[in-house]
Amino acid sequence: MTRPGLLLASAALMALTAATADAQDKVFRYSTTGDILGLDPHNNNEGPTNTMKSNIYGRLIHRLPDLSLEPDLATEWERTDDTTWIFTLREGVTFHNGNPFTADDVVYSFERQSQESSDMAFAISSIESVNAIDDYTVEIKTKAPDPTLLLNMPNFYIVDKEFMDENDAFEVIAGAGLQNFANANANGTGPFRIVEWVQDNRVVLEPFEDWWGQDERTDNIDQAIFTPIGNDATRVAALLSGEIDAMYPVPLQDIPRLEGEPDVTVLQGPELRTIFFGFDHHRDELLDMPGSGENPFKDVRVREAFAHAIDKEGIKRVVMRGAATPTGLMVAPGINGFQEDMNEPYPFDPERAQELLAEAGYPDGFPVTFDCPNDRYVNDEAICTAMVAMLERIGIDVTLNAQTKSLHFNKIRDHDTSFFMLGWTPGSYDAHNPLQNLMTTEAPGSGAWNSGRYSNPEVEELSVQISQTVDEEARNELIREAFRIHKEDVGHIPLHQQALAWGVRADTVEEVIQRPFNDIDLRYVTLK
C-alpha cells in the first residue's frame, strides 16, 4: 500500500492505473506538448509545472483565473507598518498524509524556498523573516516596503515540515526529473493529490477528499490523467478520437479543422507570455569559439545585428499563421508596468545587420550554437529553424540544438549556452518579475533564469528601487528607465506573444476555464 505523497513510478503499475481510471465515473484526460519538470514546489519555475504544483500544494493566497487574489491557507492579512504583515492562517487544514497544517509549516517553507538553489526564491526575496506568533498566525517582515508582496504570494508554496524532515528533503536540488525525493514525491494541502507520475508518460491525480474547500469545490472529476504528447498530429488525433478530453496548444494549422468538428470546441485568447532570445554576455570566450579569446556578444553592435536580422513579421505570417503579436518589450500588455510607446520591435534590416557585424570586426560572421526547446512553446522548433536561415543570411554559422524542454531548461539554467530561446510569463504579473529573474544578477533572489548573465549596473540599481517603491507613478518611471536601458543594450531580443488555442471535447466537458497562464487548473474543470 502506498502512503499519501509517495509516487508509483514503475511501468508495471500503468495497467493497474488504466483499469482504475476505467472504473471511475468522471475521468478528465488532458495533454500538452511536454511533461512536468518535477513535483518539488520550490524548484523548476516553469508554467505547466507550476500549474501542476498548484493542484497539489496550497499557498497563503491563491490567484483566480481573472488574475485577482483570494484567500487560500491564509484567511486574512493586514500590513501593520511599512515592512510588517500579519497573516491569519486557516484552521483545520491537513496535508494529504493527514498531518495538520500550522504556522511552523509556513516558517519552514520560507526557509526552504529561500535557498539559492530554488527557482522560486524570487517570490519571497524581499522577505527578511517569517515568524510564528502562534499556531495560526505568522508575521512576515520585509527588508523594505514591498509593493508586490501580495502579488508574489501565489508563488510561495507551503510544504509539510514533518514530512520533508522525515525524508531528509530540506535541500532544494536543482534539475528536472525524478532525481530526488522532493521532486518525485508530493504531499500538499491542495484540492488534488498525486496517485502516480510515470515520467514522460503520465501524471495521475485524484481529488483530496479532506481538502479544506471541499464543500465549495466546483469541479466534479473523480480522476485526472495528464499525458504529455509532443507530436502535434498525434495530439490532435487523440482529441478527435476521444482518447483525451482537452489539449493545448492546438497546432495553428489545425484550428479551422477542429472548429469544424461538432464535438470539439476551440478556445482562443491572448497569452501574457513573451517569447525572446538571449545571449551569453558573461564569458570572455564564446563556447563556440574555443581558443579565440573572443565573445562577440559582449559587443552591443553584434547583439543589435542579431536583432535586425530577425524578420518578426515573417515569423508571424509564415510560422505562426498570424497567431502572434511581435513585441519590443520583455513584458506583454496586461502586465503591470508595460510601456506601450516603447513596444516597437527592432526593425528587420539585414543590410544594417551586416554593417554592424563588420563594424564590430566580424564581417564574415562567426559560429554559434542556438539552444531551442522543441516541445514547450507554440512552433518553437519551427521558429528556431526559420531563425537559422535569417542569421545565416548575415553570415552567422548557426548550429541548431533543439531538444526536449527538460534538457533545454537544465542546459540554459546552468548558463551552458551562447544563444537561446526562452519564454516568460511574470508570476506576479508585474514588470519587476522579469527584471528580477531575467535581467539582473546581483540582488538576492535575482537572476534565476538570466541564462546569459546580462547585467547593467544602472538596471541592477533600478530593479532594487522598483522593488521598494510604493508610489505607483514614481515606480512606473523607474520601470520605464530600466526598460529603456535594457533595450538600448539589446540585452535580449523580444520576439512575440503567442496566442492561446485549446481544443476541448464538447461532448464530455461541461466547462474548462482558459486562463492567460495557458495551463489547465483542475479546480475549474467540470465534466458532463
Protein backbone atom coordinates (compact mmCIF):
# COMPACT_ATOMS: atom_id res chain seq x y z
CA MET A 1 0.00 0.00 0.00
CA THR A 2 1.35 3.41 -0.93
CA ARG A 3 1.28 6.11 1.68
CA PRO A 4 -0.01 9.58 0.60
CA GLY A 5 2.65 11.55 -1.22
CA LEU A 6 4.66 8.56 -2.45
CA LEU A 7 4.68 8.23 -6.23
CA LEU A 8 4.29 4.96 -8.06
CA ALA A 9 6.73 5.27 -10.93
CA SER A 10 7.13 1.74 -12.23
CA ALA A 11 5.86 0.79 -15.66
CA ALA A 12 4.25 -2.33 -14.16
CA LEU A 13 1.66 -0.15 -12.46
CA MET A 14 0.49 1.54 -15.66
CA ALA A 15 -2.05 -1.19 -16.48
CA LEU A 16 -3.41 -1.06 -12.94
CA THR A 17 -3.79 2.69 -13.16
CA ALA A 18 -5.59 2.41 -16.50
CA ALA A 19 -8.00 -0.11 -15.00
CA THR A 20 -8.61 2.21 -12.05
CA ALA A 21 -9.33 5.08 -14.44
CA ASP A 22 -11.87 2.97 -16.31
CA ALA A 23 -13.65 2.29 -13.03
CA GLN A 24 -14.02 5.99 -12.23
CA ASP A 25 -17.26 7.81 -13.06
CA LYS A 26 -15.70 11.03 -14.33
CA VAL A 27 -12.12 10.91 -15.64
CA PHE A 28 -10.62 14.01 -17.21
CA ARG A 29 -7.81 13.24 -19.66
CA TYR A 30 -5.76 16.12 -21.00
CA SER A 31 -2.49 16.75 -22.78
CA THR A 32 0.12 19.30 -23.75
CA THR A 33 3.46 19.15 -25.53
CA GLY A 34 5.78 18.09 -22.71
CA ASP A 35 5.91 16.56 -19.26
CA ILE A 36 6.13 18.44 -16.00
CA LEU A 37 9.69 19.01 -14.76
CA GLY A 38 9.04 17.76 -11.25
CA LEU A 39 6.92 17.98 -8.10
CA ASP A 40 9.19 19.93 -5.76
CA PRO A 41 7.15 23.13 -5.30
CA HIS A 42 10.32 25.12 -4.66
CA ASN A 43 12.05 24.02 -7.85
CA ASN A 44 11.59 24.27 -11.64
CA ASN A 45 9.81 27.58 -12.17
CA GLU A 46 8.00 26.63 -15.39
CA GLY A 47 4.38 27.20 -16.40
CA PRO A 48 2.86 23.70 -16.72
CA THR A 49 4.99 22.52 -13.78
CA ASN A 50 3.79 25.38 -11.58
CA THR A 51 0.18 24.67 -12.52
CA MET A 52 0.60 21.04 -11.52
CA LYS A 53 2.10 22.15 -8.20
CA SER A 54 -0.91 24.43 -7.70
CA ASN A 55 -3.27 21.47 -7.97
CA ILE A 56 -1.37 19.76 -5.16
CA TYR A 57 0.04 22.46 -2.89
CA GLY A 58 -1.61 25.32 -1.04
CA ARG A 59 -0.30 28.88 -0.85
CA LEU A 60 -1.20 31.66 1.55
CA ILE A 61 -3.01 33.38 -1.33
CA HIS A 62 -4.50 31.87 -4.49
CA ARG A 63 -4.75 33.61 -7.87
CA LEU A 64 -8.08 33.35 -9.67
CA PRO A 65 -8.34 32.95 -13.48
CA ASP A 66 -9.04 36.69 -13.83
CA LEU A 67 -5.68 37.28 -12.02
CA SER A 68 -7.33 38.62 -8.85
CA LEU A 69 -6.32 37.27 -5.44
CA GLU A 70 -8.33 35.25 -2.91
CA PRO A 71 -7.58 33.62 0.47
CA ASP A 72 -6.08 30.13 0.47
CA LEU A 73 -4.15 28.93 3.52
CA ALA A 74 -4.37 32.46 4.90
CA THR A 75 -7.87 33.73 5.61
CA GLU A 76 -6.92 37.38 6.08
CA TRP A 77 -3.89 39.65 6.20
CA GLU A 78 -3.03 43.20 7.15
CA ARG A 79 0.00 45.46 7.00
CA THR A 80 0.79 46.87 10.41
CA ASP A 81 3.64 49.13 9.27
CA ASP A 82 5.70 49.70 6.12
CA THR A 83 7.56 46.40 6.43
CA THR A 84 5.37 44.19 8.63
CA TRP A 85 2.44 41.99 7.62
CA ILE A 86 0.28 39.75 9.81
CA PHE A 87 -1.31 36.71 8.15
CA THR A 88 -4.08 34.76 9.90
CA LEU A 89 -3.96 31.11 8.87
CA ARG A 90 -6.82 28.74 8.12
CA GLU A 91 -7.52 26.28 10.93
CA GLY A 92 -8.41 22.61 10.50
CA VAL A 93 -6.35 22.13 7.33
CA THR A 94 -4.49 18.86 6.80
CA PHE A 95 -1.84 17.73 4.36
CA HIS A 96 -2.56 14.79 2.08
CA ASN A 97 -0.91 12.39 4.56
CA GLY A 98 -3.09 13.62 7.43
CA ASN A 99 -0.52 15.87 9.12
CA PRO A 100 -2.02 19.13 10.45
CA PHE A 101 -1.07 22.44 8.83
CA THR A 102 0.29 25.08 11.23
CA ALA A 103 2.40 28.23 11.23
CA ASP A 104 5.54 26.11 11.63
CA ASP A 105 4.99 24.82 8.09
CA VAL A 106 4.90 28.40 6.75
CA VAL A 107 8.16 29.27 8.52
CA TYR A 108 9.81 26.08 7.25
CA SER A 109 8.57 26.67 3.70
CA PHE A 110 10.04 30.18 3.74
CA GLU A 111 13.40 28.85 4.85
CA ARG A 112 13.35 26.12 2.22
CA GLN A 113 12.16 28.27 -0.69
CA SER A 114 14.74 30.95 0.17
CA GLN A 115 17.64 28.69 -0.77
CA GLU A 116 19.87 29.91 -3.58
CA SER A 117 19.22 26.67 -5.47
CA SER A 118 15.46 27.34 -5.52
CA ASP A 119 14.00 28.64 -8.79
CA MET A 120 11.14 30.03 -6.72
CA ALA A 121 13.27 32.14 -4.36
CA PHE A 122 12.39 35.27 -6.35
CA ALA A 123 8.85 35.25 -4.94
CA ILE A 124 9.99 35.76 -1.35
CA SER A 125 13.33 37.52 -1.87
CA SER A 126 12.01 40.75 -0.34
CA ILE A 127 11.16 38.98 2.94
CA GLU A 128 13.53 39.41 5.86
CA SER A 129 11.84 36.94 8.19
CA VAL A 130 8.75 34.82 8.78
CA ASN A 131 7.88 34.22 12.43
CA ALA A 132 5.16 32.11 14.02
CA ILE A 133 3.22 34.18 16.55
CA ASP A 134 1.04 31.19 17.40
CA ASP A 135 -0.13 28.06 15.58
CA TYR A 136 -2.35 30.04 13.21
CA THR A 137 -0.70 33.45 12.92
CA VAL A 138 2.51 34.43 11.17
CA GLU A 139 4.38 37.71 10.99
CA ILE A 140 6.13 38.48 7.72
CA LYS A 141 8.73 41.25 7.80
CA THR A 142 10.13 42.58 4.53
CA LYS A 143 13.56 44.14 4.05
CA ALA A 144 11.93 47.32 2.74
CA PRO A 145 8.44 48.40 1.70
CA ASP A 146 7.36 45.88 -0.95
CA PRO A 147 4.62 46.88 -3.43
CA THR A 148 4.36 43.35 -4.86
CA LEU A 149 4.42 41.14 -1.76
CA LEU A 150 0.80 40.02 -2.12
CA LEU A 151 1.19 39.58 -5.90
CA ASN A 152 4.04 37.13 -5.23
CA MET A 153 2.26 35.11 -2.55
CA PRO A 154 0.64 32.72 -5.10
CA ASN A 155 4.23 31.63 -5.85
CA PHE A 156 5.01 30.82 -2.19
CA TYR A 157 4.17 27.12 -1.81
CA ILE A 158 3.64 25.59 1.63
CA VAL A 159 5.13 22.17 2.39
CA ASP A 160 4.76 19.85 5.37
CA LYS A 161 7.75 20.37 7.68
CA GLU A 162 7.36 16.98 9.33
CA PHE A 163 7.09 15.11 6.01
CA MET A 164 10.09 16.86 4.49
CA ASP A 165 12.29 16.41 7.54
CA GLU A 166 11.36 12.73 7.87
CA ASN A 167 12.67 12.22 4.36
CA ASP A 168 15.74 14.48 4.64
CA ALA A 169 14.36 16.71 1.89
CA PHE A 170 15.05 20.24 3.13
CA GLU A 171 17.68 20.90 0.46
CA VAL A 172 16.34 22.08 -2.89
CA ILE A 173 18.21 20.16 -5.59
CA ALA A 174 18.22 21.94 -8.95
CA GLY A 175 17.27 19.99 -12.05
CA ALA A 176 14.33 18.29 -13.71
CA GLY A 177 13.05 14.74 -13.42
CA LEU A 178 12.76 12.00 -10.81
CA GLN A 179 16.24 12.55 -9.42
CA ASN A 180 15.49 13.34 -5.75
CA PHE A 181 12.83 12.73 -3.12
CA ALA A 182 11.19 16.17 -3.17
CA ASN A 183 10.92 16.22 -6.95
CA ALA A 184 9.42 12.73 -7.03
CA ASN A 185 7.07 12.86 -4.02
CA ALA A 186 4.30 15.29 -3.21
CA ASN A 187 2.37 15.99 -0.01
CA GLY A 188 0.41 19.22 -0.09
CA THR A 189 -2.83 20.73 1.17
CA GLY A 190 -4.27 21.38 -2.30
CA PRO A 191 -7.51 20.11 -3.86
CA PHE A 192 -5.81 17.19 -5.63
CA ARG A 193 -3.31 14.57 -4.59
CA ILE A 194 -0.83 12.64 -6.71
CA VAL A 195 -1.55 8.98 -7.37
CA GLU A 196 1.20 8.35 -9.90
CA TRP A 197 3.84 10.05 -12.00
CA VAL A 198 5.46 8.00 -14.75
CA GLN A 199 7.95 10.46 -16.19
CA ASP A 200 7.32 11.43 -19.83
CA ASN A 201 4.23 9.21 -19.80
CA ARG A 202 1.52 10.37 -17.41
CA VAL A 203 0.56 12.12 -14.18
CA VAL A 204 -2.50 10.78 -12.37
CA LEU A 205 -4.34 12.84 -9.75
CA GLU A 206 -7.45 12.35 -7.65
CA PRO A 207 -9.45 14.82 -5.53
CA PHE A 208 -8.26 15.20 -1.95
CA GLU A 209 -11.40 14.38 0.00
CA ASP A 210 -10.23 16.21 3.11
CA TRP A 211 -9.38 19.44 1.27
CA TRP A 212 -10.42 22.43 3.36
CA GLY A 213 -12.51 23.79 0.45
CA GLN A 214 -14.32 20.52 -0.23
CA ASP A 215 -17.79 21.94 0.49
CA GLU A 216 -17.30 24.75 -2.04
CA ARG A 217 -15.42 23.00 -4.84
CA THR A 218 -16.98 23.30 -8.27
CA ASP A 219 -15.02 20.63 -10.17
CA ASN A 220 -16.67 17.21 -10.40
CA ILE A 221 -13.87 14.97 -11.66
CA ASP A 222 -13.02 11.70 -9.94
CA GLN A 223 -9.63 11.43 -11.56
CA ALA A 224 -7.40 13.48 -13.85
CA ILE A 225 -4.82 11.95 -16.17
CA PHE A 226 -2.28 14.29 -17.73
CA THR A 227 -0.39 12.85 -20.71
CA PRO A 228 2.42 14.69 -22.50
CA ILE A 229 2.15 14.27 -26.29
CA GLY A 230 4.92 16.05 -28.13
CA ASN A 231 3.79 15.31 -31.68
CA ASP A 232 1.13 17.78 -32.86
CA ALA A 233 -0.63 15.37 -35.20
CA THR A 234 -0.78 12.66 -32.53
CA ARG A 235 -2.20 15.12 -30.00
CA VAL A 236 -4.90 16.27 -32.41
CA ALA A 237 -5.75 12.66 -33.32
CA ALA A 238 -6.11 11.79 -29.63
CA LEU A 239 -8.58 14.65 -29.18
CA LEU A 240 -10.59 13.74 -32.26
CA SER A 241 -10.79 10.07 -31.27
CA GLY A 242 -11.91 10.90 -27.73
CA GLU A 243 -8.79 9.44 -26.09
CA ILE A 244 -8.31 12.81 -24.40
CA ASP A 245 -10.85 15.46 -23.40
CA ALA A 246 -8.66 18.55 -23.81
CA MET A 247 -5.35 19.56 -25.35
CA TYR A 248 -3.17 22.64 -25.74
CA PRO A 249 -1.80 24.19 -27.75
CA VAL A 250 -3.80 23.42 -30.87
CA PRO A 251 -1.41 23.49 -33.84
CA LEU A 252 -2.22 26.69 -35.68
CA GLN A 253 -2.85 24.91 -38.97
CA ASP A 254 -5.42 22.64 -37.30
CA ILE A 255 -7.61 25.34 -35.75
CA PRO A 256 -10.02 25.59 -38.75
CA ARG A 257 -10.28 21.81 -38.90
CA LEU A 258 -11.15 21.46 -35.22
CA GLU A 259 -13.60 24.36 -35.40
CA GLY A 260 -15.49 22.32 -37.97
CA GLU A 261 -15.82 19.30 -35.69
CA PRO A 262 -19.25 19.16 -33.98
CA ASP A 263 -17.90 17.52 -30.82
CA VAL A 264 -14.91 19.85 -30.38
CA THR A 265 -14.72 23.41 -29.09
CA VAL A 266 -11.68 25.59 -29.78
CA LEU A 267 -10.91 28.17 -27.10
CA GLN A 268 -8.72 31.10 -28.14
CA GLY A 269 -7.42 34.15 -26.32
CA PRO A 270 -4.37 36.29 -25.54
CA GLU A 271 -1.42 34.99 -23.55
CA LEU A 272 0.78 37.06 -21.27
CA ARG A 273 3.97 35.11 -22.10
CA THR A 274 6.74 36.82 -24.06
CA ILE A 275 8.97 34.63 -26.24
CA PHE A 276 12.51 36.02 -26.50
CA PHE A 277 16.13 35.23 -27.35
CA GLY A 278 19.16 35.71 -25.11
CA PHE A 279 22.94 35.94 -25.48
CA ASP A 280 25.97 34.93 -23.44
CA HIS A 281 27.00 38.31 -22.00
CA HIS A 282 29.40 36.87 -19.45
CA ARG A 283 32.16 34.71 -20.89
CA ASP A 284 35.30 36.31 -22.28
CA GLU A 285 35.45 33.47 -24.81
CA LEU A 286 32.33 32.14 -26.52
CA LEU A 287 31.71 28.42 -26.05
CA ASP A 288 31.57 28.08 -29.85
CA MET A 289 34.91 29.84 -30.43
CA PRO A 290 37.46 27.90 -28.33
CA GLY A 291 40.97 29.30 -28.47
CA SER A 292 39.85 32.62 -29.96
CA GLY A 293 39.73 34.58 -26.71
CA GLU A 294 36.65 36.34 -28.11
CA ASN A 295 32.97 36.62 -27.24
CA PRO A 296 31.27 38.64 -29.98
CA PHE A 297 28.13 39.06 -27.87
CA LYS A 298 29.98 41.36 -25.49
CA ASP A 299 29.77 43.96 -28.29
CA VAL A 300 26.36 45.67 -28.45
CA ARG A 301 26.78 46.05 -32.22
CA VAL A 302 26.74 42.27 -32.60
CA ARG A 303 23.64 41.94 -30.45
CA GLU A 304 21.95 44.70 -32.44
CA ALA A 305 22.93 42.93 -35.67
CA PHE A 306 21.09 39.81 -34.48
CA ALA A 307 18.06 41.93 -33.61
CA HIS A 308 17.96 43.47 -37.10
CA ALA A 309 18.41 40.06 -38.75
CA ILE A 310 15.13 38.66 -37.38
CA ASP A 311 12.04 39.09 -39.55
CA LYS A 312 9.39 39.05 -36.82
CA GLU A 313 6.55 39.81 -39.21
CA GLY A 314 7.71 36.95 -41.42
CA ILE A 315 7.69 34.59 -38.44
CA LYS A 316 4.22 35.83 -37.50
CA ARG A 317 2.91 35.39 -41.04
CA VAL A 318 4.53 32.11 -42.09
CA VAL A 319 5.41 30.17 -38.93
CA MET A 320 2.69 31.42 -36.58
CA ARG A 321 -0.02 31.81 -39.25
CA GLY A 322 -0.88 35.22 -37.85
CA ALA A 323 -1.41 33.97 -34.27
CA ALA A 324 1.32 36.07 -32.64
CA THR A 325 1.93 39.69 -31.71
CA PRO A 326 5.50 40.91 -32.40
CA THR A 327 6.90 42.84 -29.46
CA GLY A 328 9.71 45.17 -28.49
CA LEU A 329 9.50 44.70 -24.72
CA MET A 330 10.11 41.81 -22.33
CA VAL A 331 6.56 42.10 -20.93
CA ALA A 332 3.16 41.86 -22.57
CA PRO A 333 0.21 44.24 -22.49
CA GLY A 334 -1.67 43.39 -19.32
CA ILE A 335 1.47 43.20 -17.18
CA ASN A 336 1.76 46.00 -14.63
CA GLY A 337 4.48 48.38 -15.87
CA PHE A 338 4.02 47.67 -19.60
CA GLN A 339 5.12 50.73 -21.63
CA GLU A 340 3.00 50.84 -24.79
CA ASP A 341 5.02 53.54 -26.56
CA MET A 342 8.26 51.57 -26.07
CA ASN A 343 6.89 48.36 -27.58
CA GLU A 344 8.18 48.96 -31.12
CA PRO A 345 10.30 45.94 -32.19
CA TYR A 346 13.80 46.30 -33.58
CA PRO A 347 13.27 46.82 -37.35
CA PHE A 348 14.09 44.00 -39.75
CA ASP A 349 17.13 45.25 -41.67
CA PRO A 350 19.62 42.52 -42.72
CA GLU A 351 21.79 45.03 -44.59
CA ARG A 352 22.21 47.10 -41.44
CA ALA A 353 22.90 43.88 -39.53
CA GLN A 354 25.80 43.07 -41.86
CA GLU A 355 27.16 46.60 -41.48
CA LEU A 356 27.09 46.28 -37.69
CA LEU A 357 28.90 42.93 -37.78
CA ALA A 358 31.61 44.44 -39.99
CA GLU A 359 31.95 47.44 -37.65
CA ALA A 360 32.35 45.03 -34.72
CA GLY A 361 35.13 43.14 -36.52
CA TYR A 362 33.09 40.16 -37.77
CA PRO A 363 32.48 40.85 -41.48
CA ASP A 364 32.39 37.10 -42.16
CA GLY A 365 30.33 36.29 -39.12
CA PHE A 366 31.18 33.64 -36.51
CA PRO A 367 29.89 30.23 -35.33
CA VAL A 368 27.23 29.91 -32.65
CA THR A 369 25.06 27.13 -31.21
CA PHE A 370 21.41 28.10 -30.92
CA ASP A 371 19.67 26.33 -27.99
CA CYS A 372 15.96 25.85 -28.52
CA PRO A 373 13.18 23.70 -26.99
CA ASN A 374 11.09 21.55 -29.31
CA ASP A 375 8.10 20.84 -27.04
CA ARG A 376 7.41 23.92 -24.93
CA TYR A 377 6.16 26.91 -26.94
CA VAL A 378 3.91 27.17 -29.97
CA ASN A 379 6.01 26.19 -33.02
CA ASP A 380 9.21 26.66 -31.02
CA GLU A 381 11.46 24.48 -33.18
CA ALA A 382 9.92 25.86 -36.39
CA ILE A 383 10.65 29.40 -35.19
CA CYS A 384 14.24 28.49 -34.41
CA THR A 385 14.65 26.76 -37.78
CA ALA A 386 13.44 29.92 -39.52
CA MET A 387 15.83 31.94 -37.39
CA VAL A 388 18.79 29.84 -38.57
CA ALA A 389 18.18 30.91 -42.17
CA MET A 390 17.81 34.56 -41.16
CA LEU A 391 21.08 34.57 -39.21
CA GLU A 392 22.93 32.66 -41.93
CA ARG A 393 21.85 35.39 -44.34
CA ILE A 394 24.04 37.86 -42.44
CA GLY A 395 26.96 35.41 -42.24
CA ILE A 396 26.41 33.69 -38.88
CA ASP A 397 27.26 29.97 -38.88
CA VAL A 398 24.41 28.58 -36.76
CA THR A 399 24.16 25.09 -35.27
CA LEU A 400 20.60 24.46 -34.07
CA ASN A 401 20.35 22.44 -30.85
CA ALA A 402 16.64 21.69 -30.45
CA GLN A 403 15.71 19.30 -27.64
CA THR A 404 13.00 18.44 -25.15
CA LYS A 405 12.28 21.14 -22.61
CA SER A 406 13.71 19.35 -19.57
CA LEU A 407 17.12 19.06 -21.26
CA HIS A 408 16.86 22.57 -22.70
CA PHE A 409 15.99 24.19 -19.39
CA ASN A 410 18.66 22.29 -17.47
CA LYS A 411 21.23 23.40 -20.03
CA ILE A 412 20.44 27.08 -20.14
CA ARG A 413 19.74 27.35 -16.41
CA ASP A 414 23.35 26.23 -15.87
CA HIS A 415 24.50 29.02 -18.26
CA ASP A 416 25.76 26.36 -20.67
CA THR A 417 24.65 28.36 -23.68
CA SER A 418 25.72 31.01 -26.17
CA PHE A 419 22.38 31.92 -27.75
CA PHE A 420 18.98 30.61 -26.66
CA MET A 421 15.19 30.81 -26.79
CA LEU A 422 13.07 31.22 -23.66
CA GLY A 423 9.52 32.32 -22.85
CA TRP A 424 8.38 34.16 -19.72
CA THR A 425 5.11 34.98 -18.03
CA PRO A 426 5.76 37.12 -14.93
CA GLY A 427 4.47 35.10 -11.98
CA SER A 428 3.42 38.28 -10.17
CA TYR A 429 2.04 39.89 -13.35
CA ASP A 430 4.29 42.84 -12.56
CA ALA A 431 7.27 44.18 -14.54
CA HIS A 432 9.67 43.71 -11.64
CA ASN A 433 9.41 39.95 -12.06
CA PRO A 434 11.29 39.74 -15.42
CA LEU A 435 13.72 42.41 -14.23
CA GLN A 436 14.48 40.26 -11.21
CA ASN A 437 14.56 36.87 -12.93
CA LEU A 438 15.88 37.64 -16.43
CA MET A 439 17.69 40.98 -16.45
CA THR A 440 19.71 41.25 -13.22
CA THR A 441 22.14 39.11 -11.25
CA GLU A 442 23.21 40.93 -8.09
CA ALA A 443 20.28 41.37 -5.68
CA PRO A 444 19.19 38.41 -3.51
CA GLY A 445 16.79 36.15 -5.42
CA SER A 446 17.68 37.64 -8.79
CA GLY A 447 18.93 36.03 -11.99
CA ALA A 448 17.33 32.58 -11.62
CA TRP A 449 16.71 32.45 -15.38
CA ASN A 450 19.20 35.08 -16.51
CA SER A 451 20.83 32.36 -18.59
CA GLY A 452 23.15 34.71 -20.48
CA ARG A 453 24.00 36.67 -17.30
CA TYR A 454 23.08 40.08 -18.69
CA SER A 455 23.92 42.78 -16.15
CA ASN A 456 23.98 46.57 -16.31
CA PRO A 457 24.76 48.45 -13.06
CA GLU A 458 22.02 51.00 -13.75
CA VAL A 459 19.42 48.31 -14.37
CA GLU A 460 20.57 46.46 -11.24
CA GLU A 461 20.05 49.58 -9.11
CA LEU A 462 16.75 50.46 -10.77
CA SER A 463 15.44 46.94 -10.14
CA VAL A 464 16.14 47.33 -6.42
CA GLN A 465 14.41 50.71 -6.37
CA ILE A 466 11.40 49.32 -8.24
CA SER A 467 11.09 46.51 -5.69
CA GLN A 468 10.87 49.04 -2.86
CA THR A 469 8.90 51.95 -4.36
CA VAL A 470 5.24 52.06 -3.39
CA ASP A 471 4.22 55.25 -5.20
CA GLU A 472 2.75 53.99 -8.50
CA GLU A 473 3.72 56.96 -10.67
CA ALA A 474 7.30 57.09 -9.41
CA ARG A 475 7.62 53.33 -9.71
CA ASN A 476 6.37 53.36 -13.29
CA GLU A 477 9.03 55.91 -14.25
CA LEU A 478 11.72 53.65 -12.76
CA ILE A 479 10.38 50.68 -14.74
CA ARG A 480 10.38 52.80 -17.88
CA GLU A 481 14.02 53.79 -17.40
CA ALA A 482 15.11 50.21 -16.75
CA PHE A 483 13.37 49.03 -19.93
CA ARG A 484 14.93 51.89 -21.92
CA ILE A 485 18.45 50.94 -20.86
CA HIS A 486 17.87 47.23 -21.45
CA LYS A 487 16.50 47.92 -24.93
CA GLU A 488 19.46 50.16 -25.84
CA ASP A 489 21.79 47.42 -24.59
CA VAL A 490 19.92 44.81 -26.66
CA GLY A 491 20.13 42.75 -23.50
CA HIS A 492 17.67 40.29 -25.03
CA ILE A 493 15.61 40.18 -28.23
CA PRO A 494 11.86 40.01 -27.52
CA LEU A 495 10.06 38.14 -30.31
CA HIS A 496 6.31 37.96 -29.73
CA GLN A 497 3.40 36.99 -27.54
CA GLN A 498 1.85 33.78 -28.84
CA ALA A 499 -1.92 33.30 -28.93
CA LEU A 500 -3.72 30.71 -26.83
CA ALA A 501 -5.54 27.88 -28.60
CA TRP A 502 -7.06 24.95 -26.73
CA GLY A 503 -9.11 22.06 -28.06
CA VAL A 504 -11.86 20.67 -25.79
CA ARG A 505 -14.29 17.79 -26.29
CA ALA A 506 -17.74 19.40 -26.14
CA ASP A 507 -19.43 16.02 -25.66
CA THR A 508 -17.57 15.21 -22.42
CA VAL A 509 -16.51 18.57 -20.92
CA GLU A 510 -19.08 20.89 -19.42
CA GLU A 511 -16.61 23.69 -18.65
CA VAL A 512 -12.90 24.37 -18.54
CA ILE A 513 -11.66 27.90 -17.89
CA GLN A 514 -8.96 29.18 -20.23
CA ARG A 515 -6.59 31.34 -18.23
CA PRO A 516 -3.85 33.67 -19.60
CA PHE A 517 -1.41 31.33 -17.82
CA ASN A 518 -2.03 28.88 -20.74
CA ASP A 519 -2.40 25.94 -18.36
CA ILE A 520 -5.37 23.99 -17.01
CA ASP A 521 -6.18 24.38 -13.33
CA LEU A 522 -8.19 21.28 -12.42
CA ARG A 523 -10.30 23.08 -9.85
CA TYR A 524 -12.05 24.82 -12.77
CA VAL A 525 -12.95 21.68 -14.76
CA THR A 526 -16.42 20.12 -14.81
CA LEU A 527 -17.42 17.11 -16.90
CA LYS A 528 -20.84 16.18 -18.28
